[in-house]
């Protein structure tokens, strides 16, 4: 089965990505603070602080997504509720970042984002709810039913009743 290894890989990738995003934004905040630069008249301290806060917020977001993937890997059960929403939103974020990365940084960054997107989608799809079948208590065929296609019945073979006739006022 590929479910647990994919969940472990997604957990590790998202946790490493959380640390990387937080570190890069913190570094950018330090650089802006030390250079004492201003962009369109904005206060350098405000830019530095907002870069650090943004890095921490996105780092915590990706860490939460990594924690959900880690719980999925440990429990071997599908994510539910908020965890599923977090993983779907992480997939959307990686799709958007991949589109921006193509234009801004080139194909290697795009490839990384697409691989992470594919891993998250694979995690979500491998734990998707199975279709109801004989093992799950779903409808089963009678034991003496023919294996081939059904023969047409006298009423045209339609299991649905016809719609009511339209009425006029």
N, C-alpha and C. Protein backbone atom coordinates (compact mmCIF):
# COMPACT_ATOMS: atom_id res chain seq x y z
N UNK A 1 0.83 -1.18 0.00
CA UNK A 1 0.00 0.00 0.00
C UNK A 1 0.88 1.25 0.00
N UNK A 2 0.44 2.24 -0.69
CA UNK A 2 1.21 3.48 -0.79
C UNK A 2 0.69 4.55 0.15
N UNK A 3 -0.40 4.28 0.84
CA UNK A 3 -1.03 5.34 1.63
C UNK A 3 -0.14 5.85 2.75
N UNK A 4 0.37 4.97 3.57
CA UNK A 4 1.17 5.41 4.71
C UNK A 4 2.49 6.04 4.28
N UNK A 5 3.23 5.45 3.34
CA UNK A 5 4.48 6.13 2.93
C UNK A 5 4.23 7.52 2.34
N UNK A 6 3.16 7.67 1.56
CA UNK A 6 2.85 8.99 1.00
C UNK A 6 2.51 9.97 2.12
N UNK A 7 1.77 9.51 3.10
CA UNK A 7 1.43 10.39 4.22
C UNK A 7 2.68 10.80 5.00
N UNK A 8 3.61 9.87 5.19
CA UNK A 8 4.86 10.20 5.87
C UNK A 8 5.67 11.20 5.05
N UNK A 9 5.75 10.98 3.76
CA UNK A 9 6.52 11.89 2.90
C UNK A 9 5.90 13.28 2.90
N UNK A 10 4.57 13.35 2.80
CA UNK A 10 3.89 14.65 2.82
C UNK A 10 4.14 15.35 4.16
N UNK A 11 4.08 14.60 5.25
CA UNK A 11 4.31 15.19 6.56
C UNK A 11 5.72 15.78 6.67
N UNK A 12 6.71 15.02 6.22
CA UNK A 12 8.09 15.50 6.30
C UNK A 12 8.29 16.72 5.39
N UNK A 13 7.77 16.64 4.17
CA UNK A 13 7.95 17.75 3.22
C UNK A 13 7.29 19.02 3.75
N UNK A 14 6.07 18.90 4.27
CA UNK A 14 5.38 20.09 4.76
C UNK A 14 6.04 20.66 6.01
N UNK A 15 6.56 19.82 6.89
CA UNK A 15 7.25 20.33 8.07
C UNK A 15 8.57 21.01 7.71
N UNK A 16 9.30 20.44 6.76
CA UNK A 16 10.54 21.08 6.30
C UNK A 16 10.21 22.38 5.58
N UNK A 17 9.16 22.37 4.80
CA UNK A 17 8.73 23.57 4.10
C UNK A 17 8.32 24.66 5.08
N UNK A 18 7.67 24.27 6.17
CA UNK A 18 7.27 25.24 7.21
C UNK A 18 8.50 25.91 7.80
N UNK A 19 9.51 25.12 8.12
CA UNK A 19 10.75 25.70 8.65
C UNK A 19 11.42 26.58 7.62
N UNK A 20 11.44 26.15 6.37
CA UNK A 20 12.09 26.93 5.31
C UNK A 20 11.41 28.26 5.06
N UNK A 21 10.07 28.25 4.99
CA UNK A 21 9.31 29.49 4.75
C UNK A 21 9.52 30.46 5.90
N UNK A 22 9.45 29.95 7.14
CA UNK A 22 9.64 30.81 8.30
C UNK A 22 11.05 31.39 8.31
N UNK A 23 12.05 30.58 8.01
CA UNK A 23 13.44 31.05 8.04
C UNK A 23 13.71 32.07 6.95
N UNK A 24 13.21 31.84 5.74
CA UNK A 24 13.45 32.78 4.64
C UNK A 24 12.79 34.12 4.92
N UNK A 25 11.55 34.10 5.40
CA UNK A 25 10.88 35.37 5.70
C UNK A 25 11.54 36.09 6.87
N UNK A 26 11.99 35.34 7.86
CA UNK A 26 12.70 35.97 8.98
C UNK A 26 13.99 36.61 8.49
N UNK A 27 14.72 35.90 7.63
CA UNK A 27 15.96 36.43 7.06
C UNK A 27 15.69 37.70 6.25
N UNK A 28 14.63 37.68 5.46
CA UNK A 28 14.28 38.88 4.69
C UNK A 28 13.94 40.05 5.60
N UNK A 29 13.26 39.76 6.70
CA UNK A 29 12.95 40.82 7.66
C UNK A 29 14.20 41.39 8.29
N UNK A 30 15.17 40.55 8.59
CA UNK A 30 16.44 41.02 9.16
C UNK A 30 17.21 41.85 8.13
N UNK A 31 17.21 41.42 6.88
CA UNK A 31 17.91 42.17 5.82
C UNK A 31 17.28 43.55 5.65
N UNK A 32 15.98 43.63 5.60
CA UNK A 32 15.30 44.92 5.45
C UNK A 32 15.61 45.81 6.65
N UNK A 33 15.63 45.22 7.85
CA UNK A 33 15.89 46.00 9.06
C UNK A 33 17.32 46.54 9.07
N UNK A 34 18.28 45.72 8.67
CA UNK A 34 19.69 46.16 8.69
C UNK A 34 20.02 47.13 7.56
N UNK A 35 19.36 47.00 6.43
CA UNK A 35 19.62 47.90 5.31
C UNK A 35 18.93 49.25 5.51
N UNK A 36 17.93 49.27 6.37
CA UNK A 36 17.14 50.47 6.62
C UNK A 36 16.58 51.02 5.31
N UNK A 37 16.03 50.11 4.50
CA UNK A 37 15.46 50.48 3.21
C UNK A 37 14.01 50.92 3.38
N UNK A 38 13.53 51.69 2.42
CA UNK A 38 12.14 52.10 2.41
C UNK A 38 11.59 51.81 1.02
N UNK A 39 10.37 51.32 0.97
CA UNK A 39 9.73 51.02 -0.30
C UNK A 39 8.49 51.88 -0.40
N UNK A 40 8.50 52.84 -1.31
CA UNK A 40 7.38 53.75 -1.54
C UNK A 40 6.96 54.48 -0.27
N UNK A 41 7.94 54.83 0.55
CA UNK A 41 7.67 55.60 1.74
C UNK A 41 7.22 54.80 2.94
N UNK A 42 7.23 53.47 2.85
CA UNK A 42 6.84 52.64 3.99
C UNK A 42 7.96 52.63 5.03
N UNK A 43 7.58 52.52 6.27
CA UNK A 43 8.54 52.47 7.36
C UNK A 43 9.31 51.16 7.31
N UNK A 44 10.64 51.19 7.37
CA UNK A 44 11.43 49.95 7.32
C UNK A 44 11.12 49.02 8.49
N UNK A 45 10.85 49.58 9.65
CA UNK A 45 10.53 48.72 10.80
C UNK A 45 9.21 47.98 10.57
N UNK A 46 8.27 48.63 9.95
CA UNK A 46 6.98 47.99 9.65
C UNK A 46 7.17 46.87 8.65
N UNK A 47 7.97 47.11 7.61
CA UNK A 47 8.22 46.07 6.61
C UNK A 47 8.95 44.89 7.24
N UNK A 48 9.92 45.16 8.09
CA UNK A 48 10.67 44.09 8.74
C UNK A 48 9.77 43.27 9.64
N UNK A 49 8.97 43.94 10.45
CA UNK A 49 8.07 43.24 11.37
C UNK A 49 7.02 42.44 10.61
N UNK A 50 6.46 43.03 9.56
CA UNK A 50 5.43 42.30 8.80
C UNK A 50 6.02 41.09 8.08
N UNK A 51 7.25 41.18 7.61
CA UNK A 51 7.88 40.03 6.97
C UNK A 51 8.09 38.91 7.99
N UNK A 52 8.52 39.26 9.18
CA UNK A 52 8.72 38.25 10.22
C UNK A 52 7.39 37.62 10.65
N UNK A 53 6.36 38.45 10.82
CA UNK A 53 5.05 37.92 11.21
C UNK A 53 4.49 37.03 10.10
N UNK A 54 4.62 37.46 8.85
CA UNK A 54 4.15 36.64 7.73
C UNK A 54 4.86 35.31 7.68
N UNK A 55 6.17 35.31 7.93
CA UNK A 55 6.92 34.06 7.94
C UNK A 55 6.47 33.12 9.03
N UNK A 56 6.21 33.68 10.21
CA UNK A 56 5.75 32.84 11.32
C UNK A 56 4.35 32.29 11.04
N UNK A 57 3.46 33.14 10.50
CA UNK A 57 2.09 32.69 10.22
C UNK A 57 2.09 31.58 9.15
N UNK A 58 2.81 31.80 8.05
CA UNK A 58 2.85 30.76 7.00
C UNK A 58 3.59 29.52 7.48
N UNK A 59 4.61 29.71 8.30
CA UNK A 59 5.30 28.56 8.87
C UNK A 59 4.39 27.73 9.75
N UNK A 60 3.58 28.40 10.58
CA UNK A 60 2.63 27.68 11.43
C UNK A 60 1.55 27.00 10.59
N UNK A 61 1.13 27.65 9.51
CA UNK A 61 0.12 27.06 8.62
C UNK A 61 0.64 25.77 8.00
N UNK A 62 1.86 25.81 7.44
CA UNK A 62 2.41 24.61 6.83
C UNK A 62 2.74 23.56 7.89
N UNK A 63 3.12 23.99 9.10
CA UNK A 63 3.36 23.03 10.18
C UNK A 63 2.06 22.34 10.58
N UNK A 64 0.95 23.09 10.61
CA UNK A 64 -0.34 22.47 10.92
C UNK A 64 -0.73 21.47 9.84
N UNK A 65 -0.49 21.82 8.58
CA UNK A 65 -0.77 20.88 7.49
C UNK A 65 0.12 19.64 7.61
N UNK A 66 1.39 19.84 7.97
CA UNK A 66 2.30 18.71 8.18
C UNK A 66 1.87 17.85 9.35
N UNK A 67 1.34 18.48 10.39
CA UNK A 67 0.86 17.72 11.55
C UNK A 67 -0.35 16.87 11.17
N UNK A 68 -1.23 17.41 10.34
CA UNK A 68 -2.39 16.63 9.87
C UNK A 68 -1.91 15.43 9.07
N UNK A 69 -0.94 15.64 8.18
CA UNK A 69 -0.40 14.52 7.40
C UNK A 69 0.30 13.51 8.30
N UNK A 70 0.96 13.99 9.34
CA UNK A 70 1.62 13.09 10.28
C UNK A 70 0.59 12.25 11.04
N UNK A 71 -0.49 12.86 11.46
CA UNK A 71 -1.55 12.11 12.13
C UNK A 71 -2.20 11.08 11.20
N UNK A 72 -2.35 11.45 9.94
CA UNK A 72 -2.88 10.50 8.95
C UNK A 72 -1.94 9.31 8.82
N UNK A 73 -0.63 9.58 8.79
CA UNK A 73 0.35 8.50 8.63
C UNK A 73 0.37 7.60 9.86
N UNK A 74 0.28 8.18 11.04
CA UNK A 74 0.35 7.38 12.26
C UNK A 74 -0.93 6.56 12.45
N UNK A 75 -2.08 7.18 12.24
CA UNK A 75 -3.36 6.51 12.48
C UNK A 75 -3.80 5.63 11.32
N UNK A 76 -3.28 5.89 10.13
CA UNK A 76 -3.69 5.19 8.90
C UNK A 76 -5.19 5.31 8.68
N UNK A 77 -5.70 6.52 8.92
CA UNK A 77 -7.10 6.83 8.67
C UNK A 77 -7.17 8.14 7.89
N UNK A 78 -8.22 8.33 7.10
CA UNK A 78 -8.30 9.54 6.28
C UNK A 78 -8.48 10.79 7.13
N UNK A 79 -7.97 11.92 6.62
CA UNK A 79 -8.19 13.17 7.36
C UNK A 79 -9.67 13.55 7.29
N UNK A 80 -10.16 14.14 8.35
CA UNK A 80 -11.57 14.51 8.38
C UNK A 80 -11.70 15.93 8.92
N UNK A 81 -12.76 16.59 8.54
CA UNK A 81 -13.07 17.90 9.08
C UNK A 81 -12.04 18.95 8.73
N UNK A 82 -11.52 19.61 9.77
CA UNK A 82 -10.57 20.69 9.58
C UNK A 82 -9.27 20.20 8.95
N UNK A 83 -8.86 18.97 9.27
CA UNK A 83 -7.64 18.43 8.69
C UNK A 83 -7.74 18.29 7.18
N UNK A 84 -8.87 17.82 6.72
CA UNK A 84 -9.08 17.69 5.27
C UNK A 84 -9.10 19.07 4.60
N UNK A 85 -9.75 20.03 5.26
CA UNK A 85 -9.79 21.39 4.73
C UNK A 85 -8.38 21.98 4.66
N UNK A 86 -7.56 21.74 5.69
CA UNK A 86 -6.19 22.23 5.68
C UNK A 86 -5.39 21.62 4.54
N UNK A 87 -5.53 20.32 4.32
CA UNK A 87 -4.78 19.69 3.24
C UNK A 87 -5.25 20.15 1.86
N UNK A 88 -6.55 20.33 1.69
CA UNK A 88 -7.05 20.84 0.41
C UNK A 88 -6.54 22.26 0.18
N UNK A 89 -6.57 23.09 1.23
CA UNK A 89 -6.07 24.47 1.07
C UNK A 89 -4.57 24.48 0.80
N UNK A 90 -3.83 23.55 1.38
CA UNK A 90 -2.39 23.46 1.09
C UNK A 90 -2.16 23.07 -0.36
N UNK A 91 -3.01 22.19 -0.88
CA UNK A 91 -2.90 21.82 -2.30
C UNK A 91 -3.16 23.04 -3.19
N UNK A 92 -4.17 23.82 -2.85
CA UNK A 92 -4.48 25.02 -3.63
C UNK A 92 -3.33 26.02 -3.55
N UNK A 93 -2.78 26.21 -2.35
CA UNK A 93 -1.65 27.13 -2.18
C UNK A 93 -0.46 26.68 -3.02
N UNK A 94 -0.18 25.39 -3.05
CA UNK A 94 0.95 24.90 -3.84
C UNK A 94 0.68 25.04 -5.34
N UNK A 95 -0.56 24.89 -5.74
CA UNK A 95 -0.88 25.11 -7.16
C UNK A 95 -0.65 26.57 -7.55
N UNK A 96 -1.09 27.48 -6.71
CA UNK A 96 -0.88 28.90 -7.00
C UNK A 96 0.59 29.28 -6.94
N UNK A 97 1.28 28.78 -5.93
CA UNK A 97 2.72 29.07 -5.84
C UNK A 97 3.48 28.48 -7.02
N UNK A 98 3.03 27.32 -7.50
CA UNK A 98 3.66 26.73 -8.68
C UNK A 98 3.49 27.61 -9.90
N UNK A 99 2.30 28.18 -10.05
CA UNK A 99 2.06 29.07 -11.19
C UNK A 99 2.93 30.32 -11.11
N UNK A 100 3.05 30.88 -9.90
CA UNK A 100 3.91 32.05 -9.74
C UNK A 100 5.38 31.69 -9.88
N UNK A 101 5.75 30.52 -9.38
CA UNK A 101 7.15 30.10 -9.44
C UNK A 101 7.62 29.92 -10.87
N UNK A 102 6.74 29.46 -11.75
CA UNK A 102 7.11 29.28 -13.15
C UNK A 102 7.59 30.60 -13.75
N UNK A 103 6.84 31.66 -13.49
CA UNK A 103 7.19 32.95 -14.07
C UNK A 103 8.31 33.66 -13.35
N UNK A 104 8.41 33.49 -12.04
CA UNK A 104 9.39 34.26 -11.26
C UNK A 104 10.72 33.55 -11.06
N UNK A 105 10.70 32.24 -10.87
CA UNK A 105 11.93 31.54 -10.51
C UNK A 105 12.35 30.46 -11.50
N UNK A 106 11.46 30.09 -12.42
CA UNK A 106 11.83 29.09 -13.41
C UNK A 106 11.24 27.72 -13.13
N UNK A 107 11.60 26.78 -13.99
CA UNK A 107 10.97 25.48 -13.93
C UNK A 107 11.38 24.62 -12.74
N UNK A 108 12.59 24.73 -12.13
CA UNK A 108 12.88 23.88 -10.97
C UNK A 108 11.95 24.16 -9.78
N UNK A 109 11.68 25.43 -9.51
CA UNK A 109 10.77 25.76 -8.41
C UNK A 109 9.35 25.31 -8.76
N UNK A 110 8.97 25.47 -10.02
CA UNK A 110 7.65 25.00 -10.47
C UNK A 110 7.54 23.50 -10.29
N UNK A 111 8.58 22.77 -10.67
CA UNK A 111 8.57 21.32 -10.54
C UNK A 111 8.44 20.90 -9.08
N UNK A 112 9.14 21.58 -8.18
CA UNK A 112 9.03 21.26 -6.76
C UNK A 112 7.59 21.47 -6.28
N UNK A 113 7.00 22.59 -6.64
CA UNK A 113 5.63 22.88 -6.19
C UNK A 113 4.63 21.87 -6.76
N UNK A 114 4.83 21.46 -8.00
CA UNK A 114 3.92 20.49 -8.61
C UNK A 114 4.09 19.11 -7.95
N UNK A 115 5.31 18.75 -7.59
CA UNK A 115 5.53 17.47 -6.91
C UNK A 115 4.85 17.47 -5.54
N UNK A 116 5.00 18.56 -4.80
CA UNK A 116 4.34 18.65 -3.49
C UNK A 116 2.82 18.64 -3.67
N UNK A 117 2.32 19.37 -4.67
CA UNK A 117 0.89 19.35 -4.96
C UNK A 117 0.42 17.94 -5.27
N UNK A 118 1.17 17.21 -6.09
CA UNK A 118 0.79 15.84 -6.44
C UNK A 118 0.80 14.93 -5.22
N UNK A 119 1.77 15.12 -4.33
CA UNK A 119 1.81 14.30 -3.12
C UNK A 119 0.61 14.56 -2.22
N UNK A 120 0.23 15.83 -2.08
CA UNK A 120 -0.92 16.16 -1.24
C UNK A 120 -2.20 15.60 -1.85
N UNK A 121 -2.34 15.75 -3.16
CA UNK A 121 -3.54 15.21 -3.82
C UNK A 121 -3.55 13.68 -3.73
N UNK A 122 -2.40 13.05 -3.87
CA UNK A 122 -2.33 11.60 -3.72
C UNK A 122 -2.70 11.17 -2.31
N UNK A 123 -2.26 11.93 -1.33
CA UNK A 123 -2.64 11.64 0.05
C UNK A 123 -4.15 11.73 0.23
N UNK A 124 -4.74 12.77 -0.33
CA UNK A 124 -6.19 12.95 -0.20
C UNK A 124 -6.96 11.87 -0.97
N UNK A 125 -6.46 11.47 -2.13
CA UNK A 125 -7.19 10.51 -2.96
C UNK A 125 -7.04 9.07 -2.48
N UNK A 126 -5.89 8.70 -1.93
CA UNK A 126 -5.72 7.32 -1.48
C UNK A 126 -6.53 7.04 -0.23
N UNK A 127 -6.84 8.07 0.53
CA UNK A 127 -7.67 7.88 1.71
C UNK A 127 -9.12 8.26 1.44
N UNK A 128 -9.48 8.39 0.17
CA UNK A 128 -10.86 8.73 -0.17
C UNK A 128 -11.77 7.59 0.23
N UNK A 129 -13.01 7.90 0.46
CA UNK A 129 -13.99 6.91 0.89
C UNK A 129 -14.19 5.88 -0.22
N UNK A 130 -14.12 4.57 0.09
CA UNK A 130 -14.35 3.56 -0.94
C UNK A 130 -15.83 3.48 -1.29
N UNK A 131 -16.09 3.04 -2.51
CA UNK A 131 -17.48 2.87 -2.96
C UNK A 131 -18.10 1.70 -2.23
N UNK A 132 -19.39 1.80 -1.98
CA UNK A 132 -20.09 0.72 -1.28
C UNK A 132 -20.14 -0.51 -2.17
N UNK A 133 -19.79 -1.62 -1.63
CA UNK A 133 -19.79 -2.86 -2.39
C UNK A 133 -20.21 -4.00 -1.49
N UNK A 134 -20.04 -5.23 -1.92
CA UNK A 134 -20.46 -6.37 -1.11
C UNK A 134 -19.75 -6.41 0.25
N UNK A 135 -18.50 -6.05 0.32
CA UNK A 135 -17.77 -6.12 1.58
C UNK A 135 -18.20 -5.01 2.53
N UNK A 136 -18.71 -3.92 2.04
CA UNK A 136 -19.09 -2.78 2.86
C UNK A 136 -20.59 -2.75 3.17
N UNK A 137 -21.31 -3.78 2.83
CA UNK A 137 -22.74 -3.81 3.14
C UNK A 137 -23.58 -3.16 2.07
N UNK A 138 -23.04 -2.96 0.90
CA UNK A 138 -23.79 -2.35 -0.19
C UNK A 138 -24.67 -3.37 -0.87
N UNK A 139 -25.34 -2.97 -1.91
CA UNK A 139 -26.23 -3.90 -2.61
C UNK A 139 -25.43 -5.02 -3.27
N UNK A 140 -25.97 -6.20 -3.19
CA UNK A 140 -25.32 -7.36 -3.81
C UNK A 140 -26.27 -7.97 -4.82
N UNK A 141 -25.69 -8.69 -5.77
CA UNK A 141 -26.50 -9.37 -6.78
C UNK A 141 -27.04 -10.67 -6.19
N UNK A 142 -28.24 -11.07 -6.57
CA UNK A 142 -28.76 -12.36 -6.09
C UNK A 142 -27.88 -13.50 -6.58
N UNK A 143 -27.89 -14.59 -5.84
CA UNK A 143 -27.03 -15.71 -6.16
C UNK A 143 -27.37 -16.35 -7.50
N UNK A 144 -28.66 -16.37 -7.87
CA UNK A 144 -29.05 -17.03 -9.11
C UNK A 144 -29.21 -16.04 -10.27
N UNK A 145 -28.69 -14.85 -10.15
CA UNK A 145 -28.80 -13.85 -11.22
C UNK A 145 -27.86 -14.21 -12.36
N UNK A 146 -28.26 -13.95 -13.61
CA UNK A 146 -27.38 -14.24 -14.74
C UNK A 146 -26.18 -13.29 -14.72
N UNK A 147 -25.06 -13.79 -15.23
CA UNK A 147 -23.83 -13.00 -15.23
C UNK A 147 -23.83 -11.95 -16.34
N UNK A 148 -24.60 -12.15 -17.37
CA UNK A 148 -24.60 -11.24 -18.51
C UNK A 148 -25.54 -10.06 -18.31
N UNK A 149 -25.79 -9.29 -19.38
CA UNK A 149 -26.71 -8.16 -19.26
C UNK A 149 -28.14 -8.65 -19.02
N UNK A 150 -28.91 -7.79 -18.35
CA UNK A 150 -30.29 -8.16 -18.04
C UNK A 150 -31.13 -8.21 -19.31
N UNK A 151 -32.11 -9.08 -19.28
CA UNK A 151 -33.05 -9.14 -20.40
C UNK A 151 -34.07 -8.03 -20.22
N UNK A 152 -34.53 -7.43 -21.32
CA UNK A 152 -35.50 -6.36 -21.16
C UNK A 152 -36.81 -6.88 -20.57
N UNK A 153 -37.38 -6.04 -19.71
CA UNK A 153 -38.66 -6.40 -19.11
C UNK A 153 -39.79 -5.88 -19.98
N UNK A 154 -40.98 -6.28 -19.67
CA UNK A 154 -42.15 -5.89 -20.45
C UNK A 154 -42.43 -4.39 -20.39
N UNK A 155 -42.00 -3.72 -19.34
CA UNK A 155 -42.29 -2.29 -19.22
C UNK A 155 -41.17 -1.43 -19.80
N UNK A 156 -40.33 -2.00 -20.63
CA UNK A 156 -39.26 -1.23 -21.26
C UNK A 156 -37.95 -1.27 -20.49
N UNK A 157 -37.94 -1.95 -19.36
CA UNK A 157 -36.72 -2.09 -18.60
C UNK A 157 -36.37 -0.87 -17.76
N UNK A 158 -37.25 0.09 -17.63
CA UNK A 158 -36.96 1.29 -16.87
C UNK A 158 -37.32 1.08 -15.40
N UNK A 159 -36.35 1.21 -14.50
CA UNK A 159 -36.66 1.03 -13.08
C UNK A 159 -37.29 2.28 -12.47
N UNK A 160 -37.34 3.38 -13.22
CA UNK A 160 -37.87 4.64 -12.70
C UNK A 160 -39.29 4.83 -13.21
N UNK A 161 -40.16 5.30 -12.34
CA UNK A 161 -41.53 5.55 -12.77
C UNK A 161 -41.56 6.81 -13.64
N UNK A 162 -42.47 6.89 -14.57
CA UNK A 162 -42.52 8.05 -15.46
C UNK A 162 -42.93 9.30 -14.69
N UNK A 163 -42.52 10.47 -15.15
CA UNK A 163 -42.90 11.70 -14.47
C UNK A 163 -44.40 11.94 -14.58
N UNK A 164 -44.95 12.70 -13.63
CA UNK A 164 -46.39 12.97 -13.70
C UNK A 164 -46.71 13.82 -14.93
N UNK A 165 -47.91 13.64 -15.43
CA UNK A 165 -48.35 14.39 -16.62
C UNK A 165 -48.51 15.86 -16.25
N UNK A 166 -48.11 16.76 -17.14
CA UNK A 166 -48.25 18.18 -16.83
C UNK A 166 -49.73 18.58 -16.81
N UNK A 167 -50.03 19.53 -15.96
CA UNK A 167 -51.40 20.03 -15.87
C UNK A 167 -51.42 21.49 -16.28
N UNK A 168 -52.56 21.92 -16.78
CA UNK A 168 -52.72 23.34 -17.16
C UNK A 168 -53.67 23.98 -16.19
N UNK A 169 -53.51 25.25 -15.91
CA UNK A 169 -54.42 25.90 -14.97
C UNK A 169 -55.78 26.17 -15.52
